[in-house]
Amino acid sequence: MNIVERAKAPTPKFFKVLRTIGLALLAVSGSIVAAPVALPAVVVTVAGYAAVAGGVLSAVSQITVEDKSHRQAQDDTRDNKKDEVKPETDVGGNG
Protein backbone atom coordinates (compact mmCIF):
# COMPACT_ATOMS: atom_id res chain seq x y z
CA MET A 1 0.00 0.00 0.00
CA ASN A 2 1.60 3.27 -1.09
CA ILE A 3 1.24 6.70 0.52
CA VAL A 4 -1.59 7.88 -1.76
CA GLU A 5 -3.64 4.75 -1.07
CA ARG A 6 -3.01 5.12 2.65
CA ALA A 7 -4.10 8.77 2.60
CA LYS A 8 -7.33 7.86 0.80
CA ALA A 9 -8.10 4.82 2.99
CA PRO A 10 -10.41 5.10 6.02
CA THR A 11 -8.76 6.46 9.16
CA PRO A 12 -9.64 5.03 12.61
CA LYS A 13 -11.69 7.33 14.86
CA PHE A 14 -8.88 7.85 17.40
CA PHE A 15 -6.51 9.07 14.69
CA LYS A 16 -9.19 11.37 13.25
CA VAL A 17 -9.32 13.08 16.65
CA LEU A 18 -5.51 13.30 16.75
CA ARG A 19 -5.48 14.73 13.22
CA THR A 20 -7.96 17.42 14.25
CA ILE A 21 -5.91 18.28 17.33
CA GLY A 22 -2.77 18.49 15.20
CA LEU A 23 -4.45 20.79 12.69
CA ALA A 24 -5.73 23.04 15.48
CA LEU A 25 -2.27 23.16 17.04
CA LEU A 26 -0.80 24.01 13.66
CA ALA A 27 -3.33 26.79 13.07
CA VAL A 28 -2.89 28.40 16.48
CA SER A 29 0.89 28.25 16.39
CA GLY A 30 0.95 29.52 12.82
CA SER A 31 -1.11 32.54 13.78
CA ILE A 32 1.21 33.25 16.73
CA VAL A 33 4.29 33.05 14.51
CA ALA A 34 2.69 35.32 11.91
CA ALA A 35 1.31 37.83 14.45
CA PRO A 36 2.01 41.43 13.45
CA VAL A 37 2.81 42.40 17.04
CA ALA A 38 6.10 41.98 18.84
CA LEU A 39 6.04 38.84 20.95
CA PRO A 40 8.78 37.48 23.21
CA ALA A 41 11.26 35.24 21.44
CA VAL A 42 10.36 32.31 23.70
CA VAL A 43 6.70 32.48 22.63
CA VAL A 44 7.61 32.55 18.94
CA THR A 45 10.08 29.69 19.37
CA VAL A 46 7.56 27.53 21.22
CA ALA A 47 4.95 28.34 18.57
CA GLY A 48 7.38 27.21 15.88
CA TYR A 49 7.96 23.89 17.62
CA ALA A 50 4.22 23.49 18.15
CA ALA A 51 3.65 24.08 14.44
CA VAL A 52 6.09 21.31 13.56
CA ALA A 53 4.52 18.97 16.11
CA GLY A 54 1.03 19.72 14.82
CA GLY A 55 2.08 19.11 11.23
CA VAL A 56 3.74 15.80 12.05
CA LEU A 57 0.80 14.70 14.19
CA SER A 58 -1.66 15.49 11.41
CA ALA A 59 0.42 13.80 8.72
CA VAL A 60 1.00 10.61 10.69
CA SER A 61 -2.64 10.46 11.74
CA GLN A 62 -3.81 10.86 8.16
CA ILE A 63 -1.75 7.97 6.81
CA THR A 64 -2.75 5.61 9.62
CA VAL A 65 -5.32 3.21 8.23
CA GLU A 66 -7.56 0.55 9.66
CA ASP A 67 -6.73 -2.58 7.71
CA LYS A 68 -9.77 -4.78 8.25
CA SER A 69 -8.38 -7.68 6.23
CA HIS A 70 -5.24 -7.72 8.41
CA ARG A 71 -7.33 -7.52 11.57
CA GLN A 72 -9.57 -10.35 10.32
CA ALA A 73 -6.51 -12.51 9.64
CA GLN A 74 -5.22 -11.84 13.16
CA ASP A 75 -8.60 -12.71 14.65
CA ASP A 76 -8.75 -15.94 12.63
CA THR A 77 -5.26 -16.91 13.78
CA ARG A 78 -6.17 -16.16 17.38
CA ASP A 79 -9.38 -18.21 17.08
CA ASN A 80 -7.51 -21.14 15.55
CA LYS A 81 -5.03 -21.16 18.42
CA LYS A 82 -7.89 -21.28 20.94
CA ASP A 83 -9.47 -24.24 19.13
CA GLU A 84 -6.28 -26.30 19.00
CA VAL A 85 -6.05 -29.18 21.44
CA LYS A 86 -2.62 -29.21 22.97
CA PRO A 87 -1.15 -32.66 23.58
CA GLU A 88 -0.33 -33.43 27.17
CA THR A 89 3.34 -33.72 27.88
CA ASP A 90 4.98 -35.49 30.76
CA VAL A 91 7.10 -32.73 32.23
CA GLY A 92 7.86 -34.42 35.52
CA GLY A 93 9.13 -37.66 34.01
CA ASN A 94 6.56 -39.81 35.83
CA GLY A 95 6.13 -41.84 32.66
PDB file of N, CA and C in Angstrom:
ATOM      1  N   MET A   1       0.859  -1.169   0.000  1.00  0.00           N
ATOM      2  CA  MET A   1       0.000   0.000   0.000  1.00  0.00           C
ATOM      3  C   MET A   1       0.907   1.234   0.000  1.00  0.00           C
ATOM      4  N   ASN A   2       0.749   2.082  -1.020  1.00  0.00           N
ATOM      5  CA  ASN A   2       1.596   3.271  -1.088  1.00  0.00           C
ATOM      6  C   ASN A   2       0.967   4.436  -0.315  1.00  0.00           C
ATOM      7  N   ILE A   3       1.664   5.549  -0.286  1.00  0.00           N
ATOM      8  CA  ILE A   3       1.238   6.701   0.524  1.00  0.00           C
ATOM      9  C   ILE A   3      -0.113   7.248   0.061  1.00  0.00           C
ATOM     10  N   VAL A   4      -0.324   7.332  -1.247  1.00  0.00           N
ATOM     11  CA  VAL A   4      -1.585   7.880  -1.762  1.00  0.00           C
ATOM     12  C   VAL A   4      -2.751   6.982  -1.361  1.00  0.00           C
ATOM     13  N   GLU A   5      -2.581   5.673  -1.482  1.00  0.00           N
ATOM     14  CA  GLU A   5      -3.639   4.748  -1.073  1.00  0.00           C
ATOM     15  C   GLU A   5      -3.906   4.850   0.424  1.00  0.00           C
ATOM     16  N   ARG A   6      -2.843   4.992   1.205  1.00  0.00           N
ATOM     17  CA  ARG A   6      -3.014   5.118   2.655  1.00  0.00           C
ATOM     18  C   ARG A   6      -3.756   6.402   3.010  1.00  0.00           C
ATOM     19  N   ALA A   7      -3.443   7.493   2.311  1.00  0.00           N
ATOM     20  CA  ALA A   7      -4.096   8.771   2.602  1.00  0.00           C
ATOM     21  C   ALA A   7      -5.577   8.730   2.246  1.00  0.00           C
ATOM     22  N   LYS A   8      -5.932   7.944   1.225  1.00  0.00           N
ATOM     23  CA  LYS A   8      -7.331   7.855   0.798  1.00  0.00           C
ATOM     24  C   LYS A   8      -8.121   6.806   1.572  1.00  0.00           C
ATOM     25  N   ALA A   9      -7.437   5.902   2.250  1.00  0.00           N
ATOM     26  CA  ALA A   9      -8.104   4.823   2.985  1.00  0.00           C
ATOM     27  C   ALA A   9      -8.761   5.367   4.252  1.00  0.00           C
ATOM     28  N   PRO A  10      -9.747   4.644   4.788  1.00  0.00           N
ATOM     29  CA  PRO A  10     -10.412   5.098   6.020  1.00  0.00           C
ATOM     30  C   PRO A  10      -9.441   5.180   7.200  1.00  0.00           C
ATOM     31  N   THR A  11      -9.601   6.235   7.990  1.00  0.00           N
ATOM     32  CA  THR A  11      -8.760   6.458   9.165  1.00  0.00           C
ATOM     33  C   THR A  11      -9.549   6.071  10.412  1.00  0.00           C
ATOM     34  N   PRO A  12      -8.945   5.366  11.360  1.00  0.00           N
ATOM     35  CA  PRO A  12      -9.643   5.035  12.607  1.00  0.00           C
ATOM     36  C   PRO A  12     -10.053   6.302  13.368  1.00  0.00           C
ATOM     37  N   LYS A  13     -11.120   6.180  14.152  1.00  0.00           N
ATOM     38  CA  LYS A  13     -11.686   7.331  14.856  1.00  0.00           C
ATOM     39  C   LYS A  13     -10.664   8.029  15.752  1.00  0.00           C
ATOM     40  N   PHE A  14      -9.868   7.263  16.494  1.00  0.00           N
ATOM     41  CA  PHE A  14      -8.877   7.849  17.395  1.00  0.00           C
ATOM     42  C   PHE A  14      -7.912   8.748  16.630  1.00  0.00           C
ATOM     43  N   PHE A  15      -7.472   8.293  15.459  1.00  0.00           N
ATOM     44  CA  PHE A  15      -6.515   9.069  14.690  1.00  0.00           C
ATOM     45  C   PHE A  15      -7.171  10.259  13.995  1.00  0.00           C
ATOM     46  N   LYS A  16      -8.484  10.190  13.760  1.00  0.00           N
ATOM     47  CA  LYS A  16      -9.191  11.368  13.249  1.00  0.00           C
ATOM     48  C   LYS A  16      -9.171  12.479  14.299  1.00  0.00           C
ATOM     49  N   VAL A  17      -9.364  12.098  15.555  1.00  0.00           N
ATOM     50  CA  VAL A  17      -9.316  13.076  16.645  1.00  0.00           C
ATOM     51  C   VAL A  17      -7.911  13.665  16.757  1.00  0.00           C
ATOM     52  N   LEU A  18      -6.887  12.804  16.694  1.00  0.00           N
ATOM     53  CA  LEU A  18      -5.509  13.296  16.750  1.00  0.00           C
ATOM     54  C   LEU A  18      -5.197  14.222  15.582  1.00  0.00           C
ATOM     55  N   ARG A  19      -5.699  13.885  14.396  1.00  0.00           N
ATOM     56  CA  ARG A  19      -5.477  14.728  13.222  1.00  0.00           C
ATOM     57  C   ARG A  19      -6.092  16.108  13.435  1.00  0.00           C
ATOM     58  N   THR A  20      -7.293  16.142  13.989  1.00  0.00           N
ATOM     59  CA  THR A  20      -7.959  17.415  14.248  1.00  0.00           C
ATOM     60  C   THR A  20      -7.193  18.235  15.281  1.00  0.00           C
ATOM     61  N   ILE A  21      -6.710  17.583  16.321  1.00  0.00           N
ATOM     62  CA  ILE A  21      -5.907  18.282  17.332  1.00  0.00           C
ATOM     63  C   ILE A  21      -4.634  18.830  16.709  1.00  0.00           C
ATOM     64  N   GLY A  22      -3.988  18.038  15.870  1.00  0.00           N
ATOM     65  CA  GLY A  22      -2.771  18.487  15.196  1.00  0.00           C
ATOM     66  C   GLY A  22      -3.017  19.682  14.297  1.00  0.00           C
ATOM     67  N   LEU A  23      -4.128  19.659  13.560  1.00  0.00           N
ATOM     68  CA  LEU A  23      -4.448  20.793  12.687  1.00  0.00           C
ATOM     69  C   LEU A  23      -4.755  22.048  13.497  1.00  0.00           C
ATOM     70  N   ALA A  24      -5.451  21.886  14.623  1.00  0.00           N
ATOM     71  CA  ALA A  24      -5.735  23.038  15.478  1.00  0.00           C
ATOM     72  C   ALA A  24      -4.447  23.605  16.064  1.00  0.00           C
ATOM     73  N   LEU A  25      -3.565  22.737  16.504  1.00  0.00           N
ATOM     74  CA  LEU A  25      -2.267  23.161  17.040  1.00  0.00           C
ATOM     75  C   LEU A  25      -1.464  23.897  15.977  1.00  0.00           C
ATOM     76  N   LEU A  26      -1.500  23.383  14.772  1.00  0.00           N
ATOM     77  CA  LEU A  26      -0.800  24.007  13.656  1.00  0.00           C
ATOM     78  C   LEU A  26      -1.381  25.387  13.350  1.00  0.00           C
ATOM     79  N   ALA A  27      -2.695  25.509  13.370  1.00  0.00           N
ATOM     80  CA  ALA A  27      -3.334  26.791  13.070  1.00  0.00           C
ATOM     81  C   ALA A  27      -3.028  27.840  14.138  1.00  0.00           C
ATOM     82  N   VAL A  28      -3.141  27.453  15.394  1.00  0.00           N
ATOM     83  CA  VAL A  28      -2.888  28.403  16.484  1.00  0.00           C
ATOM     84  C   VAL A  28      -1.428  28.843  16.489  1.00  0.00           C
ATOM     85  N   SER A  29      -0.533  27.886  16.362  1.00  0.00           N
ATOM     86  CA  SER A  29       0.885  28.246  16.388  1.00  0.00           C
ATOM     87  C   SER A  29       1.281  29.042  15.151  1.00  0.00           C
ATOM     88  N   GLY A  30       0.672  28.742  14.024  1.00  0.00           N
ATOM     89  CA  GLY A  30       0.949  29.524  12.817  1.00  0.00           C
ATOM     90  C   GLY A  30       0.501  30.962  12.951  1.00  0.00           C
ATOM     91  N   SER A  31      -0.641  31.168  13.594  1.00  0.00           N
ATOM     92  CA  SER A  31      -1.106  32.540  13.783  1.00  0.00           C
ATOM     93  C   SER A  31      -0.243  33.292  14.792  1.00  0.00           C
ATOM     94  N   ILE A  32       0.302  32.598  15.767  1.00  0.00           N
ATOM     95  CA  ILE A  32       1.206  33.248  16.728  1.00  0.00           C
ATOM     96  C   ILE A  32       2.505  33.648  16.045  1.00  0.00           C
ATOM     97  N   VAL A  33       3.044  32.743  15.216  1.00  0.00           N
ATOM     98  CA  VAL A  33       4.292  33.049  14.514  1.00  0.00           C
ATOM     99  C   VAL A  33       4.095  34.219  13.556  1.00  0.00           C
ATOM    100  N   ALA A  34       2.941  34.280  12.901  1.00  0.00           N
ATOM    101  CA  ALA A  34       2.688  35.322  11.911  1.00  0.00           C
ATOM    102  C   ALA A  34       2.050  36.580  12.502  1.00  0.00           C
ATOM    103  N   ALA A  35       1.945  36.669  13.817  1.00  0.00           N
ATOM    104  CA  ALA A  35       1.309  37.825  14.454  1.00  0.00           C
ATOM    105  C   ALA A  35       2.082  39.108  14.133  1.00  0.00           C
ATOM    106  N   PRO A  36       1.346  40.172  13.809  1.00  0.00           N
ATOM    107  CA  PRO A  36       2.010  41.430  13.453  1.00  0.00           C
ATOM    108  C   PRO A  36       2.518  42.224  14.659  1.00  0.00           C
ATOM    109  N   VAL A  37       2.332  41.703  15.853  1.00  0.00           N
ATOM    110  CA  VAL A  37       2.805  42.404  17.044  1.00  0.00           C
ATOM    111  C   VAL A  37       4.092  41.753  17.537  1.00  0.00           C
ATOM    112  N   ALA A  38       4.847  42.503  18.302  1.00  0.00           N
ATOM    113  CA  ALA A  38       6.105  41.983  18.839  1.00  0.00           C
ATOM    114  C   ALA A  38       5.801  41.057  20.012  1.00  0.00           C
ATOM    115  N   LEU A  39       6.229  39.824  19.887  1.00  0.00           N
ATOM    116  CA  LEU A  39       6.044  38.840  20.949  1.00  0.00           C
ATOM    117  C   LEU A  39       7.417  38.409  21.459  1.00  0.00           C
ATOM    118  N   PRO A  40       7.495  37.965  22.696  1.00  0.00           N
ATOM    119  CA  PRO A  40       8.784  37.483  23.210  1.00  0.00           C
ATOM    120  C   PRO A  40       9.319  36.337  22.345  1.00  0.00           C
ATOM    121  N   ALA A  41      10.617  36.257  22.278  1.00  0.00           N
ATOM    122  CA  ALA A  41      11.256  35.240  21.444  1.00  0.00           C
ATOM    123  C   ALA A  41      10.889  33.828  21.885  1.00  0.00           C
ATOM    124  N   VAL A  42      10.715  33.639  23.184  1.00  0.00           N
ATOM    125  CA  VAL A  42      10.358  32.313  23.700  1.00  0.00           C
ATOM    126  C   VAL A  42       8.998  31.876  23.155  1.00  0.00           C
ATOM    127  N   VAL A  43       8.048  32.801  23.121  1.00  0.00           N
ATOM    128  CA  VAL A  43       6.703  32.479  22.634  1.00  0.00           C
ATOM    129  C   VAL A  43       6.754  32.089  21.159  1.00  0.00           C
ATOM    130  N   VAL A  44       7.498  32.839  20.374  1.00  0.00           N
ATOM    131  CA  VAL A  44       7.606  32.554  18.944  1.00  0.00           C
ATOM    132  C   VAL A  44       8.326  31.225  18.715  1.00  0.00           C
ATOM    133  N   THR A  45       9.353  30.956  19.502  1.00  0.00           N
ATOM    134  CA  THR A  45      10.084  29.694  19.372  1.00  0.00           C
ATOM    135  C   THR A  45       9.196  28.502  19.723  1.00  0.00           C
ATOM    136  N   VAL A  46       8.465  28.609  20.826  1.00  0.00           N
ATOM    137  CA  VAL A  46       7.558  27.530  21.225  1.00  0.00           C
ATOM    138  C   VAL A  46       6.471  27.340  20.172  1.00  0.00           C
ATOM    139  N   ALA A  47       5.972  28.435  19.614  1.00  0.00           N
ATOM    140  CA  ALA A  47       4.952  28.335  18.571  1.00  0.00           C
ATOM    141  C   ALA A  47       5.507  27.640  17.328  1.00  0.00           C
ATOM    142  N   GLY A  48       6.753  27.892  17.014  1.00  0.00           N
ATOM    143  CA  GLY A  48       7.376  27.211  15.879  1.00  0.00           C
ATOM    144  C   GLY A  48       7.469  25.711  16.100  1.00  0.00           C
ATOM    145  N   TYR A  49       7.894  25.312  17.294  1.00  0.00           N
ATOM    146  CA  TYR A  49       7.960  23.887  17.616  1.00  0.00           C
ATOM    147  C   TYR A  49       6.567  23.258  17.630  1.00  0.00           C
ATOM    148  N   ALA A  50       5.590  23.998  18.130  1.00  0.00           N
ATOM    149  CA  ALA A  50       4.220  23.490  18.152  1.00  0.00           C
ATOM    150  C   ALA A  50       3.683  23.316  16.733  1.00  0.00           C
ATOM    151  N   ALA A  51       4.070  24.202  15.830  1.00  0.00           N
ATOM    152  CA  ALA A  51       3.645  24.076  14.436  1.00  0.00           C
ATOM    153  C   ALA A  51       4.215  22.806  13.814  1.00  0.00           C
ATOM    154  N   VAL A  52       5.476  22.542  14.079  1.00  0.00           N
ATOM    155  CA  VAL A  52       6.092  21.312  13.556  1.00  0.00           C
ATOM    156  C   VAL A  52       5.409  20.084  14.151  1.00  0.00           C
ATOM    157  N   ALA A  53       5.176  20.107  15.454  1.00  0.00           N
ATOM    158  CA  ALA A  53       4.525  18.972  16.111  1.00  0.00           C
ATOM    159  C   ALA A  53       3.114  18.756  15.565  1.00  0.00           C
ATOM    160  N   GLY A  54       2.376  19.836  15.364  1.00  0.00           N
ATOM    161  CA  GLY A  54       1.025  19.723  14.816  1.00  0.00           C
ATOM    162  C   GLY A  54       1.027  19.180  13.399  1.00  0.00           C
ATOM    163  N   GLY A  55       1.977  19.609  12.599  1.00  0.00           N
ATOM    164  CA  GLY A  55       2.077  19.110  11.230  1.00  0.00           C
ATOM    165  C   GLY A  55       2.413  17.634  11.179  1.00  0.00           C
ATOM    166  N   VAL A  56       3.360  17.221  12.006  1.00  0.00           N
ATOM    167  CA  VAL A  56       3.741  15.803  12.046  1.00  0.00           C
ATOM    168  C   VAL A  56       2.586  14.960  12.570  1.00  0.00           C
ATOM    169  N   LEU A  57       1.928  15.425  13.618  1.00  0.00           N
ATOM    170  CA  LEU A  57       0.798  14.698  14.187  1.00  0.00           C
ATOM    171  C   LEU A  57      -0.310  14.519  13.157  1.00  0.00           C
ATOM    172  N   SER A  58      -0.612  15.572  12.425  1.00  0.00           N
ATOM    173  CA  SER A  58      -1.658  15.494  11.407  1.00  0.00           C
ATOM    174  C   SER A  58      -1.265  14.561  10.272  1.00  0.00           C
ATOM    175  N   ALA A  59      -0.029  14.642   9.831  1.00  0.00           N
ATOM    176  CA  ALA A  59       0.421  13.801   8.716  1.00  0.00           C
ATOM    177  C   ALA A  59       0.418  12.322   9.094  1.00  0.00           C
ATOM    178  N   VAL A  60       0.958  12.009  10.257  1.00  0.00           N
ATOM    179  CA  VAL A  60       1.003  10.607  10.687  1.00  0.00           C
ATOM    180  C   VAL A  60      -0.405  10.078  10.925  1.00  0.00           C
ATOM    181  N   SER A  61      -1.268  10.897  11.491  1.00  0.00           N
ATOM    182  CA  SER A  61      -2.638  10.462  11.742  1.00  0.00           C
ATOM    183  C   SER A  61      -3.393  10.229  10.443  1.00  0.00           C
ATOM    184  N   GLN A  62      -3.108  11.010   9.426  1.00  0.00           N
ATOM    185  CA  GLN A  62      -3.810  10.862   8.156  1.00  0.00           C
ATOM    186  C   GLN A  62      -3.419   9.572   7.442  1.00  0.00           C
ATOM    187  N   ILE A  63      -2.167   9.167   7.537  1.00  0.00           N
ATOM    188  CA  ILE A  63      -1.753   7.966   6.807  1.00  0.00           C
ATOM    189  C   ILE A  63      -1.897   6.691   7.630  1.00  0.00           C
ATOM    190  N   THR A  64      -2.451   6.801   8.827  1.00  0.00           N
ATOM    191  CA  THR A  64      -2.747   5.613   9.622  1.00  0.00           C
ATOM    192  C   THR A  64      -4.083   5.066   9.149  1.00  0.00           C
ATOM    193  N   VAL A  65      -4.102   3.797   8.772  1.00  0.00           N
ATOM    194  CA  VAL A  65      -5.322   3.205   8.233  1.00  0.00           C
ATOM    195  C   VAL A  65      -5.745   2.016   9.078  1.00  0.00           C
ATOM    196  N   GLU A  66      -7.025   1.730   9.001  1.00  0.00           N
ATOM    197  CA  GLU A  66      -7.560   0.550   9.663  1.00  0.00           C
ATOM    198  C   GLU A  66      -7.662  -0.536   8.608  1.00  0.00           C
ATOM    199  N   ASP A  67      -6.788  -1.508   8.690  1.00  0.00           N
ATOM    200  CA  ASP A  67      -6.733  -2.578   7.708  1.00  0.00           C
ATOM    201  C   ASP A  67      -7.588  -3.733   8.206  1.00  0.00           C
ATOM    202  N   LYS A  68      -8.842  -3.770   7.754  1.00  0.00           N
ATOM    203  CA  LYS A  68      -9.773  -4.778   8.250  1.00  0.00           C
ATOM    204  C   LYS A  68      -9.370  -6.183   7.837  1.00  0.00           C
ATOM    205  N   SER A  69      -8.784  -6.337   6.652  1.00  0.00           N
ATOM    206  CA  SER A  69      -8.380  -7.678   6.227  1.00  0.00           C
ATOM    207  C   SER A  69      -7.252  -8.200   7.121  1.00  0.00           C
ATOM    208  N   HIS A  70      -6.333  -7.311   7.512  1.00  0.00           N
ATOM    209  CA  HIS A  70      -5.245  -7.718   8.407  1.00  0.00           C
ATOM    210  C   HIS A  70      -5.800  -8.063   9.783  1.00  0.00           C
ATOM    211  N   ARG A  71      -6.725  -7.259  10.265  1.00  0.00           N
ATOM    212  CA  ARG A  71      -7.328  -7.524  11.570  1.00  0.00           C
ATOM    213  C   ARG A  71      -8.103  -8.841  11.540  1.00  0.00           C
ATOM    214  N   GLN A  72      -8.819  -9.098  10.436  1.00  0.00           N
ATOM    215  CA  GLN A  72      -9.570 -10.345  10.315  1.00  0.00           C
ATOM    216  C   GLN A  72      -8.627 -11.543  10.333  1.00  0.00           C
ATOM    217  N   ALA A  73      -7.493 -11.427   9.650  1.00  0.00           N
ATOM    218  CA  ALA A  73      -6.514 -12.514   9.636  1.00  0.00           C
ATOM    219  C   ALA A  73      -5.958 -12.753  11.039  1.00  0.00           C
ATOM    220  N   GLN A  74      -5.706 -11.681  11.784  1.00  0.00           N
ATOM    221  CA  GLN A  74      -5.219 -11.836  13.155  1.00  0.00           C
ATOM    222  C   GLN A  74      -6.267 -12.511  14.030  1.00  0.00           C
ATOM    223  N   ASP A  75      -7.532 -12.104  13.868  1.00  0.00           N
ATOM    224  CA  ASP A  75      -8.603 -12.712  14.650  1.00  0.00           C
ATOM    225  C   ASP A  75      -8.752 -14.193  14.315  1.00  0.00           C
ATOM    226  N   ASP A  76      -8.645 -14.538  13.031  1.00  0.00           N
ATOM    227  CA  ASP A  76      -8.749 -15.939  12.629  1.00  0.00           C
ATOM    228  C   ASP A  76      -7.620 -16.761  13.229  1.00  0.00           C
ATOM    229  N   THR A  77      -6.409 -16.208  13.208  1.00  0.00           N
ATOM    230  CA  THR A  77      -5.259 -16.910  13.781  1.00  0.00           C
ATOM    231  C   THR A  77      -5.455 -17.111  15.275  1.00  0.00           C
ATOM    232  N   ARG A  78      -5.935 -16.078  15.943  1.00  0.00           N
ATOM    233  CA  ARG A  78      -6.170 -16.161  17.384  1.00  0.00           C
ATOM    234  C   ARG A  78      -7.246 -17.209  17.686  1.00  0.00           C
ATOM    235  N   ASP A  79      -8.319 -17.232  16.874  1.00  0.00           N
ATOM    236  CA  ASP A  79      -9.384 -18.210  17.079  1.00  0.00           C
ATOM    237  C   ASP A  79      -8.889 -19.628  16.842  1.00  0.00           C
ATOM    238  N   ASN A  80      -8.044 -19.806  15.836  1.00  0.00           N
ATOM    239  CA  ASN A  80      -7.513 -21.140  15.548  1.00  0.00           C
ATOM    240  C   ASN A  80      -6.635 -21.638  16.683  1.00  0.00           C
ATOM    241  N   LYS A  81      -5.886 -20.756  17.308  1.00  0.00           N
ATOM    242  CA  LYS A  81      -5.031 -21.165  18.423  1.00  0.00           C
ATOM    243  C   LYS A  81      -5.870 -21.576  19.629  1.00  0.00           C
ATOM    244  N   LYS A  82      -7.018 -20.924  19.822  1.00  0.00           N
ATOM    245  CA  LYS A  82      -7.891 -21.284  20.936  1.00  0.00           C
ATOM    246  C   LYS A  82      -8.506 -22.663  20.718  1.00  0.00           C
ATOM    247  N   ASP A  83      -8.806 -22.991  19.445  1.00  0.00           N
ATOM    248  CA  ASP A  83      -9.475 -24.244  19.131  1.00  0.00           C
ATOM    249  C   ASP A  83      -8.533 -25.443  19.124  1.00  0.00           C
ATOM    250  N   GLU A  84      -7.233 -25.201  19.047  1.00  0.00           N
ATOM    251  CA  GLU A  84      -6.278 -26.304  18.998  1.00  0.00           C
ATOM    252  C   GLU A  84      -6.261 -27.046  20.335  1.00  0.00           C
ATOM    253  N   VAL A  85      -6.176 -28.361  20.240  1.00  0.00           N
ATOM    254  CA  VAL A  85      -6.048 -29.184  21.437  1.00  0.00           C
ATOM    255  C   VAL A  85      -4.570 -29.461  21.609  1.00  0.00           C
ATOM    256  N   LYS A  86      -4.040 -29.025  22.715  1.00  0.00           N
ATOM    257  CA  LYS A  86      -2.620 -29.209  22.970  1.00  0.00           C
ATOM    258  C   LYS A  86      -2.397 -30.594  23.568  1.00  0.00           C
ATOM    259  N   PRO A  87      -1.432 -31.328  23.017  1.00  0.00           N
ATOM    260  CA  PRO A  87      -1.154 -32.657  23.583  1.00  0.00           C
ATOM    261  C   PRO A  87      -0.533 -32.522  24.971  1.00  0.00           C
ATOM    262  N   GLU A  88      -0.891 -33.455  25.821  1.00  0.00           N
ATOM    263  CA  GLU A  88      -0.334 -33.430  27.169  1.00  0.00           C
ATOM    264  C   GLU A  88       1.090 -33.954  27.126  1.00  0.00           C
ATOM    265  N   THR A  89       1.954 -33.284  27.828  1.00  0.00           N
ATOM    266  CA  THR A  89       3.344 -33.722  27.883  1.00  0.00           C
ATOM    267  C   THR A  89       3.686 -34.087  29.312  1.00  0.00           C
ATOM    268  N   ASP A  90       4.557 -35.031  29.443  1.00  0.00           N
ATOM    269  CA  ASP A  90       4.979 -35.488  30.760  1.00  0.00           C
ATOM    270  C   ASP A  90       6.217 -34.703  31.162  1.00  0.00           C
ATOM    271  N   VAL A  91       6.004 -33.605  31.852  1.00  0.00           N
ATOM    272  CA  VAL A  91       7.096 -32.727  32.230  1.00  0.00           C
ATOM    273  C   VAL A  91       7.882 -33.312  33.397  1.00  0.00           C
ATOM    274  N   GLY A  92       7.206 -33.936  34.311  1.00  0.00           N
ATOM    275  CA  GLY A  92       7.856 -34.422  35.520  1.00  0.00           C
ATOM    276  C   GLY A  92       8.608 -35.733  35.342  1.00  0.00           C
ATOM    277  N   GLY A  93       8.432 -36.406  34.234  1.00  0.00           N
ATOM    278  CA  GLY A  93       9.132 -37.662  34.007  1.00  0.00           C
ATOM    279  C   GLY A  93       8.525 -38.828  34.778  1.00  0.00           C
ATOM    280  N   ASN A  94       7.217 -38.748  35.072  1.00  0.00           N
ATOM    281  CA  ASN A  94       6.557 -39.809  35.830  1.00  0.00           C
ATOM    282  C   ASN A  94       6.016 -40.899  34.914  1.00  0.00           C
ATOM    283  N   GLY A  95       6.469 -40.967  33.705  1.00  0.00           N
ATOM    284  CA  GLY A  95       6.129 -41.842  32.658  1.00  0.00           C
ATOM    285  C   GLY A  95       5.303 -42.950  32.769  1.00  0.00           C
TER     286      GLY A  95
END
